[in-house]
Amino acid sequence: SQESTNEEDESADTGKISGDEQLKFYKENINSLTAIEKIDYQSLLKSPAVLTYYGDIDSSSDWYAIMNNYIAEHTDELEVQNAVYPESDTYELYIEQTTTNVVAMEPDIIVYRMPALADKVRDIGLSETNDYLSSILTTLMDSLPDTEIILVEPEPVLSEMENLNSRSLDYRSYMNEMKEVANDMEIQVISTHEQFINIAEEEGFELAELYKEDETSLNENGLIILQQAIERGLT
């Protein structure tokens, strides 16, 4: 009894709340949680929860490392798995039935990175992007009804912003279409792309100042802003 009292006093002194109290808070506010809170909720509920990264992701990229590290630092126990298909567009993800691999992992959380640039490169129509993504998400939601699905915007690619395909579309056109699908299906989106541009403006940077000469890779300042954008998008 004395040990329990001491633990309660120590918790009160540090201002920390217990896992049970945090879980109660999440349950009471389930419809207004941020992305990181939704992930933490699952990690407390399952302990450990399985988080699967899915879609157009290079697991060796700076983006992946920054997001994965931040999530690990701000959640309870997580088991991270990858169902990643670098440079694969929505057509490939759909036609190759990649959702089968995701479902087999039985994840509690899916972080799906939008393959916007890959769709632009394939040169498909926005209606096709809409159809393929809708089908992928419907399959995941039907097969994994208790799984939290979160979409994440790609980071900006300066060299591709005005690089149009034969349909006069750049990757942002496809990204916006994917966000429309997510909105229609009431799936949360982590706004990495939007936040990156906002923070750059707030800090007084021109976008060109945040990239190396290839206009694709971020320089040191660009990586700092990318980290801020990911954290802001999650929270």
C-alpha atoms as a PDB file:
ATOM      1  CA  SER A   1       0.000   0.000   0.000  1.00  0.00           C
ATOM      2  CA  GLN A   2       2.817   2.377   0.889  1.00  0.00           C
ATOM      3  CA  GLU A   3       4.637   1.592  -2.368  1.00  0.00           C
ATOM      4  CA  SER A   4       1.447   2.313  -4.330  1.00  0.00           C
ATOM      5  CA  THR A   5       1.034   5.646  -2.559  1.00  0.00           C
ATOM      6  CA  ASN A   6       4.647   6.581  -3.302  1.00  0.00           C
ATOM      7  CA  GLU A   7       4.166   5.742  -6.991  1.00  0.00           C
ATOM      8  CA  GLU A   8       1.035   7.905  -7.161  1.00  0.00           C
ATOM      9  CA  ASP A   9       2.848  10.791  -5.470  1.00  0.00           C
ATOM     10  CA  GLU A  10       5.764  10.455  -7.886  1.00  0.00           C
ATOM     11  CA  SER A  11       3.402  10.423 -10.869  1.00  0.00           C
ATOM     12  CA  ALA A  12       1.681  13.537  -9.595  1.00  0.00           C
ATOM     13  CA  ASP A  13       5.020  15.293  -9.064  1.00  0.00           C
ATOM     14  CA  THR A  14       6.187  14.634 -12.624  1.00  0.00           C
ATOM     15  CA  GLY A  15       2.844  15.578 -14.160  1.00  0.00           C
ATOM     16  CA  LYS A  16       2.672  12.282 -16.068  1.00  0.00           C
ATOM     17  CA  ILE A  17      -0.493  10.281 -16.511  1.00  0.00           C
ATOM     18  CA  SER A  18      -0.748   6.519 -16.512  1.00  0.00           C
ATOM     19  CA  GLY A  19      -1.302   4.387 -19.573  1.00  0.00           C
ATOM     20  CA  ASP A  20      -4.844   3.609 -18.411  1.00  0.00           C
ATOM     21  CA  GLU A  21      -5.646   7.307 -18.048  1.00  0.00           C
ATOM     22  CA  GLN A  22      -4.209   8.015 -21.501  1.00  0.00           C
ATOM     23  CA  LEU A  23      -6.239   5.181 -22.981  1.00  0.00           C
ATOM     24  CA  LYS A  24      -9.388   6.542 -21.347  1.00  0.00           C
ATOM     25  CA  PHE A  25      -8.684   9.991 -22.790  1.00  0.00           C
ATOM     26  CA  TYR A  26      -8.223   8.561 -26.283  1.00  0.00           C
ATOM     27  CA  LYS A  27     -11.462   6.570 -26.077  1.00  0.00           C
ATOM     28  CA  GLU A  28     -13.411   9.626 -24.946  1.00  0.00           C
ATOM     29  CA  ASN A  29     -11.981  11.760 -27.778  1.00  0.00           C
ATOM     30  CA  ILE A  30     -11.720   9.110 -30.480  1.00  0.00           C
ATOM     31  CA  ASN A  31     -13.242  11.310 -33.206  1.00  0.00           C
ATOM     32  CA  SER A  32     -10.827  14.211 -32.738  1.00  0.00           C
ATOM     33  CA  LEU A  33      -7.463  12.493 -32.299  1.00  0.00           C
ATOM     34  CA  THR A  34      -4.416  13.540 -34.282  1.00  0.00           C
ATOM     35  CA  ALA A  35      -2.544  10.959 -36.340  1.00  0.00           C
ATOM     36  CA  ILE A  36       0.101  10.377 -33.662  1.00  0.00           C
ATOM     37  CA  GLU A  37      -2.625  10.038 -31.016  1.00  0.00           C
ATOM     38  CA  LYS A  38      -4.436   7.441 -33.124  1.00  0.00           C
ATOM     39  CA  ILE A  39      -1.217   5.465 -33.474  1.00  0.00           C
ATOM     40  CA  ASP A  40      -0.469   5.765 -29.753  1.00  0.00           C
ATOM     41  CA  TYR A  41      -4.032   4.700 -28.955  1.00  0.00           C
ATOM     42  CA  GLN A  42      -3.535   1.482 -30.895  1.00  0.00           C
ATOM     43  CA  SER A  43      -0.135   0.928 -29.269  1.00  0.00           C
ATOM     44  CA  LEU A  44      -1.697   1.199 -25.791  1.00  0.00           C
ATOM     45  CA  LEU A  45      -4.698  -0.891 -26.757  1.00  0.00           C
ATOM     46  CA  LYS A  46      -2.713  -3.813 -28.206  1.00  0.00           C
ATOM     47  CA  SER A  47       0.751  -3.412 -26.638  1.00  0.00           C
ATOM     48  CA  PRO A  48       2.487  -4.173 -28.886  1.00  0.00           C
ATOM     49  CA  ALA A  49       0.524  -2.959 -31.879  1.00  0.00           C
ATOM     50  CA  VAL A  50       1.621  -3.787 -35.423  1.00  0.00           C
ATOM     51  CA  LEU A  51       2.286  -0.791 -37.678  1.00  0.00           C
ATOM     52  CA  THR A  52       2.713  -1.514 -41.372  1.00  0.00           C
ATOM     53  CA  TYR A  53       4.167   0.986 -43.822  1.00  0.00           C
ATOM     54  CA  TYR A  54       2.580   0.510 -47.240  1.00  0.00           C
ATOM     55  CA  GLY A  55       2.846   1.985 -50.704  1.00  0.00           C
ATOM     56  CA  ASP A  56       5.445   4.004 -52.569  1.00  0.00           C
ATOM     57  CA  ILE A  57       8.101   4.014 -49.834  1.00  0.00           C
ATOM     58  CA  ASP A  58      11.871   3.634 -49.900  1.00  0.00           C
ATOM     59  CA  SER A  59      12.704   2.354 -46.414  1.00  0.00           C
ATOM     60  CA  SER A  60      16.215   3.813 -46.721  1.00  0.00           C
ATOM     61  CA  SER A  61      14.917   7.348 -47.323  1.00  0.00           C
ATOM     62  CA  ASP A  62      15.225  10.295 -44.960  1.00  0.00           C
ATOM     63  CA  TRP A  63      11.429  10.610 -44.950  1.00  0.00           C
ATOM     64  CA  TYR A  64      10.967   7.072 -43.660  1.00  0.00           C
ATOM     65  CA  ALA A  65      13.639   7.393 -40.972  1.00  0.00           C
ATOM     66  CA  ILE A  66      12.286  10.703 -39.662  1.00  0.00           C
ATOM     67  CA  MET A  67       8.689   9.518 -39.496  1.00  0.00           C
ATOM     68  CA  ASN A  68       9.494   6.107 -38.057  1.00  0.00           C
ATOM     69  CA  ASN A  69      11.748   7.575 -35.348  1.00  0.00           C
ATOM     70  CA  TYR A  70       9.198  10.191 -34.335  1.00  0.00           C
ATOM     71  CA  ILE A  71       6.402   7.631 -34.100  1.00  0.00           C
ATOM     72  CA  ALA A  72       8.583   5.289 -32.041  1.00  0.00           C
ATOM     73  CA  GLU A  73       9.487   8.074 -29.620  1.00  0.00           C
ATOM     74  CA  HIS A  74       5.890   9.197 -29.041  1.00  0.00           C
ATOM     75  CA  THR A  75       3.991   5.929 -28.767  1.00  0.00           C
ATOM     76  CA  ASP A  76       3.923   2.850 -26.552  1.00  0.00           C
ATOM     77  CA  GLU A  77       5.019  -0.541 -27.906  1.00  0.00           C
ATOM     78  CA  LEU A  78       5.004  -0.946 -31.684  1.00  0.00           C
ATOM     79  CA  GLU A  79       6.112  -3.705 -34.002  1.00  0.00           C
ATOM     80  CA  VAL A  80       7.005  -2.109 -37.349  1.00  0.00           C
ATOM     81  CA  GLN A  81       6.618  -4.040 -40.600  1.00  0.00           C
ATOM     82  CA  ASN A  82       7.097  -2.997 -44.213  1.00  0.00           C
ATOM     83  CA  ALA A  83       4.933  -3.731 -47.214  1.00  0.00           C
ATOM     84  CA  VAL A  84       6.723  -1.181 -49.354  1.00  0.00           C
ATOM     85  CA  TYR A  85       6.823  -0.887 -53.131  1.00  0.00           C
ATOM     86  CA  PRO A  86       9.178   1.947 -54.146  1.00  0.00           C
ATOM     87  CA  GLU A  87       8.087   3.841 -57.255  1.00  0.00           C
ATOM     88  CA  SER A  88       4.954   1.694 -57.625  1.00  0.00           C
ATOM     89  CA  ASP A  89       1.839   3.548 -58.732  1.00  0.00           C
ATOM     90  CA  THR A  90      -1.781   2.892 -57.774  1.00  0.00           C
ATOM     91  CA  TYR A  91      -2.310   0.706 -60.850  1.00  0.00           C
ATOM     92  CA  GLU A  92       0.581  -1.583 -59.898  1.00  0.00           C
ATOM     93  CA  LEU A  93      -0.468  -1.686 -56.255  1.00  0.00           C
ATOM     94  CA  TYR A  94      -3.988  -2.596 -57.372  1.00  0.00           C
ATOM     95  CA  ILE A  95      -3.343  -5.049 -60.218  1.00  0.00           C
ATOM     96  CA  GLU A  96      -0.605  -6.943 -58.335  1.00  0.00           C
ATOM     97  CA  GLN A  97      -2.961  -7.388 -55.371  1.00  0.00           C
ATOM     98  CA  THR A  98      -0.417  -6.016 -52.933  1.00  0.00           C
ATOM     99  CA  THR A  99      -3.174  -5.609 -50.345  1.00  0.00           C
ATOM    100  CA  THR A 100      -2.988  -9.393 -49.852  1.00  0.00           C
ATOM    101  CA  ASN A 101       0.471  -9.003 -48.332  1.00  0.00           C
ATOM    102  CA  VAL A 102      -0.712  -6.177 -46.085  1.00  0.00           C
ATOM    103  CA  VAL A 103      -3.758  -8.077 -44.841  1.00  0.00           C
ATOM    104  CA  ALA A 104      -1.599 -11.136 -44.069  1.00  0.00           C
ATOM    105  CA  MET A 105       0.452  -9.017 -41.643  1.00  0.00           C
ATOM    106  CA  GLU A 106      -2.724  -8.283 -39.634  1.00  0.00           C
ATOM    107  CA  PRO A 107      -1.631  -4.721 -38.819  1.00  0.00           C
ATOM    108  CA  ASP A 108      -3.312  -2.517 -36.249  1.00  0.00           C
ATOM    109  CA  ILE A 109      -2.135   0.614 -38.094  1.00  0.00           C
ATOM    110  CA  ILE A 110      -1.391   1.138 -41.788  1.00  0.00           C
ATOM    111  CA  VAL A 111       0.609   4.181 -42.885  1.00  0.00           C
ATOM    112  CA  TYR A 112      -0.017   4.424 -46.638  1.00  0.00           C
ATOM    113  CA  ARG A 113       2.236   6.820 -48.547  1.00  0.00           C
ATOM    114  CA  MET A 114       0.506   8.282 -51.588  1.00  0.00           C
ATOM    115  CA  PRO A 115       2.181   7.195 -54.845  1.00  0.00           C
ATOM    116  CA  ALA A 116       1.449  10.559 -56.457  1.00  0.00           C
ATOM    117  CA  LEU A 117       4.699  10.903 -58.391  1.00  0.00           C
ATOM    118  CA  ALA A 118       4.496   7.319 -59.613  1.00  0.00           C
ATOM    119  CA  ASP A 119       0.973   7.910 -60.945  1.00  0.00           C
ATOM    120  CA  LYS A 120       2.161  11.042 -62.736  1.00  0.00           C
ATOM    121  CA  VAL A 121       5.017   9.071 -64.330  1.00  0.00           C
ATOM    122  CA  ARG A 122       2.651   6.317 -65.478  1.00  0.00           C
ATOM    123  CA  ASP A 123       0.543   9.070 -67.054  1.00  0.00           C
ATOM    124  CA  ILE A 124      -2.818   7.663 -65.983  1.00  0.00           C
ATOM    125  CA  GLY A 125      -5.987   9.695 -65.658  1.00  0.00           C
ATOM    126  CA  LEU A 126      -7.154  11.162 -62.367  1.00  0.00           C
ATOM    127  CA  SER A 127     -10.329   9.073 -62.550  1.00  0.00           C
ATOM    128  CA  GLU A 128      -8.173   5.935 -62.787  1.00  0.00           C
ATOM    129  CA  THR A 129      -6.132   7.029 -59.783  1.00  0.00           C
ATOM    130  CA  ASN A 130      -9.395   7.561 -57.933  1.00  0.00           C
ATOM    131  CA  ASP A 131     -10.709   4.119 -58.889  1.00  0.00           C
ATOM    132  CA  TYR A 132      -7.526   2.205 -58.044  1.00  0.00           C
ATOM    133  CA  LEU A 133      -6.988   3.958 -54.720  1.00  0.00           C
ATOM    134  CA  SER A 134     -10.644   3.582 -53.748  1.00  0.00           C
ATOM    135  CA  SER A 135     -10.480  -0.127 -54.491  1.00  0.00           C
ATOM    136  CA  ILE A 136      -7.261  -0.570 -52.492  1.00  0.00           C
ATOM    137  CA  LEU A 137      -8.632   1.263 -49.466  1.00  0.00           C
ATOM    138  CA  THR A 138     -11.989  -0.516 -49.640  1.00  0.00           C
ATOM    139  CA  THR A 139     -10.223  -3.886 -49.667  1.00  0.00           C
ATOM    140  CA  LEU A 140      -8.133  -2.933 -46.647  1.00  0.00           C
ATOM    141  CA  MET A 141     -11.105  -1.554 -44.722  1.00  0.00           C
ATOM    142  CA  ASP A 142     -13.278  -4.590 -45.455  1.00  0.00           C
ATOM    143  CA  SER A 143     -10.517  -7.085 -44.650  1.00  0.00           C
ATOM    144  CA  LEU A 144      -9.222  -5.224 -41.583  1.00  0.00           C
ATOM    145  CA  PRO A 145     -12.253  -3.463 -40.068  1.00  0.00           C
ATOM    146  CA  ASP A 146     -10.485  -2.658 -36.778  1.00  0.00           C
ATOM    147  CA  THR A 147      -7.293  -1.347 -38.375  1.00  0.00           C
ATOM    148  CA  GLU A 148      -6.434   2.360 -38.320  1.00  0.00           C
ATOM    149  CA  ILE A 149      -5.564   3.472 -41.865  1.00  0.00           C
ATOM    150  CA  ILE A 150      -3.707   6.758 -42.303  1.00  0.00           C
ATOM    151  CA  LEU A 151      -2.555   8.245 -45.608  1.00  0.00           C
ATOM    152  CA  VAL A 152       0.519  10.445 -45.811  1.00  0.00           C
ATOM    153  CA  GLU A 153       1.437  12.995 -48.451  1.00  0.00           C
ATOM    154  CA  PRO A 154       4.823  12.668 -50.175  1.00  0.00           C
ATOM    155  CA  GLU A 155       7.386  15.349 -49.493  1.00  0.00           C
ATOM    156  CA  PRO A 156       7.762  18.066 -52.180  1.00  0.00           C
ATOM    157  CA  VAL A 157       9.999  17.316 -55.171  1.00  0.00           C
ATOM    158  CA  LEU A 158      11.107  20.637 -56.628  1.00  0.00           C
ATOM    159  CA  SER A 159      12.206  19.258 -60.002  1.00  0.00           C
ATOM    160  CA  GLU A 160       8.774  17.696 -60.572  1.00  0.00           C
ATOM    161  CA  MET A 161       6.525  20.576 -59.577  1.00  0.00           C
ATOM    162  CA  GLU A 162       6.263  21.992 -63.082  1.00  0.00           C
ATOM    163  CA  ASN A 163       7.145  18.792 -64.910  1.00  0.00           C
ATOM    164  CA  LEU A 164       3.863  17.904 -66.598  1.00  0.00           C
ATOM    165  CA  ASN A 165       2.931  14.617 -68.225  1.00  0.00           C
ATOM    166  CA  SER A 166       0.964  14.262 -71.458  1.00  0.00           C
ATOM    167  CA  ARG A 167      -2.245  15.082 -69.571  1.00  0.00           C
ATOM    168  CA  SER A 168      -0.793  18.419 -68.398  1.00  0.00           C
ATOM    169  CA  LEU A 169      -0.731  17.094 -64.823  1.00  0.00           C
ATOM    170  CA  ASP A 170       2.088  17.127 -62.282  1.00  0.00           C
ATOM    171  CA  TYR A 171       2.352  14.907 -59.217  1.00  0.00           C
ATOM    172  CA  ARG A 172       0.435  17.422 -57.090  1.00  0.00           C
ATOM    173  CA  SER A 173      -2.642  16.861 -59.263  1.00  0.00           C
ATOM    174  CA  TYR A 174      -2.570  13.173 -58.377  1.00  0.00           C
ATOM    175  CA  MET A 175      -1.850  13.920 -54.722  1.00  0.00           C
ATOM    176  CA  ASN A 176      -4.899  16.170 -54.535  1.00  0.00           C
ATOM    177  CA  GLU A 177      -7.046  13.484 -56.154  1.00  0.00           C
ATOM    178  CA  MET A 178      -5.844  10.974 -53.576  1.00  0.00           C
ATOM    179  CA  LYS A 179      -6.698  13.410 -50.793  1.00  0.00           C
ATOM    180  CA  GLU A 180     -10.213  13.683 -52.229  1.00  0.00           C
ATOM    181  CA  VAL A 181     -10.562   9.899 -52.034  1.00  0.00           C
ATOM    182  CA  ALA A 182      -9.354   9.914 -48.431  1.00  0.00           C
ATOM    183  CA  ASN A 183     -11.763  12.704 -47.558  1.00  0.00           C
ATOM    184  CA  ASP A 184     -14.695  10.867 -49.138  1.00  0.00           C
ATOM    185  CA  MET A 185     -13.794   7.709 -47.203  1.00  0.00           C
ATOM    186  CA  GLU A 186     -13.158   9.667 -43.971  1.00  0.00           C
ATOM    187  CA  ILE A 187      -9.533   8.553 -43.759  1.00  0.00           C
ATOM    188  CA  GLN A 188      -7.025  10.853 -42.092  1.00  0.00           C
ATOM    189  CA  VAL A 189      -4.175  12.344 -44.134  1.00  0.00           C
ATOM    190  CA  ILE A 190      -0.815  13.432 -42.724  1.00  0.00           C
ATOM    191  CA  SER A 191      -0.149  16.679 -44.610  1.00  0.00           C
ATOM    192  CA  THR A 192       3.639  16.427 -44.998  1.00  0.00           C
ATOM    193  CA  HIS A 193       3.733  18.179 -48.370  1.00  0.00           C
ATOM    194  CA  GLU A 194       1.507  21.059 -47.307  1.00  0.00           C
ATOM    195  CA  GLN A 195       3.322  21.550 -44.007  1.00  0.00           C
ATOM    196  CA  PHE A 196       6.739  21.553 -45.695  1.00  0.00           C
ATOM    197  CA  ILE A 197       5.728  24.427 -47.955  1.00  0.00           C
ATOM    198  CA  ASN A 198       4.057  26.317 -45.096  1.00  0.00           C
ATOM    199  CA  ILE A 199       7.089  26.016 -42.818  1.00  0.00           C
ATOM    200  CA  ALA A 200       9.465  27.046 -45.609  1.00  0.00           C
ATOM    201  CA  GLU A 201       7.425  30.229 -46.093  1.00  0.00           C
ATOM    202  CA  GLU A 202       7.312  30.867 -42.345  1.00  0.00           C
ATOM    203  CA  GLU A 203      11.097  30.508 -42.131  1.00  0.00           C
ATOM    204  CA  GLY A 204      11.641  32.795 -45.125  1.00  0.00           C
ATOM    205  CA  PHE A 205      13.048  30.167 -47.485  1.00  0.00           C
ATOM    206  CA  GLU A 206      12.490  29.902 -51.196  1.00  0.00           C
ATOM    207  CA  LEU A 207      11.906  26.234 -52.019  1.00  0.00           C
ATOM    208  CA  ALA A 208      14.960  26.178 -54.286  1.00  0.00           C
ATOM    209  CA  GLU A 209      17.146  27.020 -51.281  1.00  0.00           C
ATOM    210  CA  LEU A 210      16.194  23.747 -49.589  1.00  0.00           C
ATOM    211  CA  TYR A 211      17.407  21.388 -52.308  1.00  0.00           C
ATOM    212  CA  LYS A 212      20.716  20.231 -53.675  1.00  0.00           C
ATOM    213  CA  GLU A 213      21.627  20.966 -57.284  1.00  0.00           C
ATOM    214  CA  ASP A 214      19.595  18.009 -58.560  1.00  0.00           C
ATOM    215  CA  GLU A 215      16.420  19.730 -57.227  1.00  0.00           C
ATOM    216  CA  THR A 216      15.318  16.316 -55.913  1.00  0.00           C
ATOM    217  CA  SER A 217      17.405  15.697 -52.775  1.00  0.00           C
ATOM    218  CA  LEU A 218      17.000  17.961 -49.771  1.00  0.00           C
ATOM    219  CA  ASN A 219      19.998  19.796 -48.329  1.00  0.00           C
ATOM    220  CA  GLU A 220      20.646  20.230 -44.599  1.00  0.00           C
ATOM    221  CA  ASN A 221      18.076  23.013 -44.186  1.00  0.00           C
ATOM    222  CA  GLY A 222      15.584  21.050 -46.237  1.00  0.00           C
ATOM    223  CA  LEU A 223      15.919  18.010 -43.988  1.00  0.00           C
ATOM    224  CA  ILE A 224      15.342  20.167 -40.910  1.00  0.00           C
ATOM    225  CA  ILE A 225      12.124  21.502 -42.415  1.00  0.00           C
ATOM    226  CA  LEU A 226      11.090  18.012 -43.518  1.00  0.00           C
ATOM    227  CA  GLN A 227      11.374  16.834 -39.918  1.00  0.00           C
ATOM    228  CA  GLN A 228       9.291  19.787 -38.731  1.00  0.00           C
ATOM    229  CA  ALA A 229       6.718  19.106 -41.452  1.00  0.00           C
ATOM    230  CA  ILE A 230       6.375  15.445 -40.493  1.00  0.00           C
ATOM    231  CA  GLU A 231       6.036  16.297 -36.803  1.00  0.00           C
ATOM    232  CA  ARG A 232       3.448  18.997 -37.524  1.00  0.00           C
ATOM    233  CA  GLY A 233       1.539  16.702 -39.848  1.00  0.00           C
ATOM    234  CA  LEU A 234       1.419  13.970 -37.216  1.00  0.00           C
ATOM    235  CA  THR A 235       0.376  16.293 -34.427  1.00  0.00           C
END
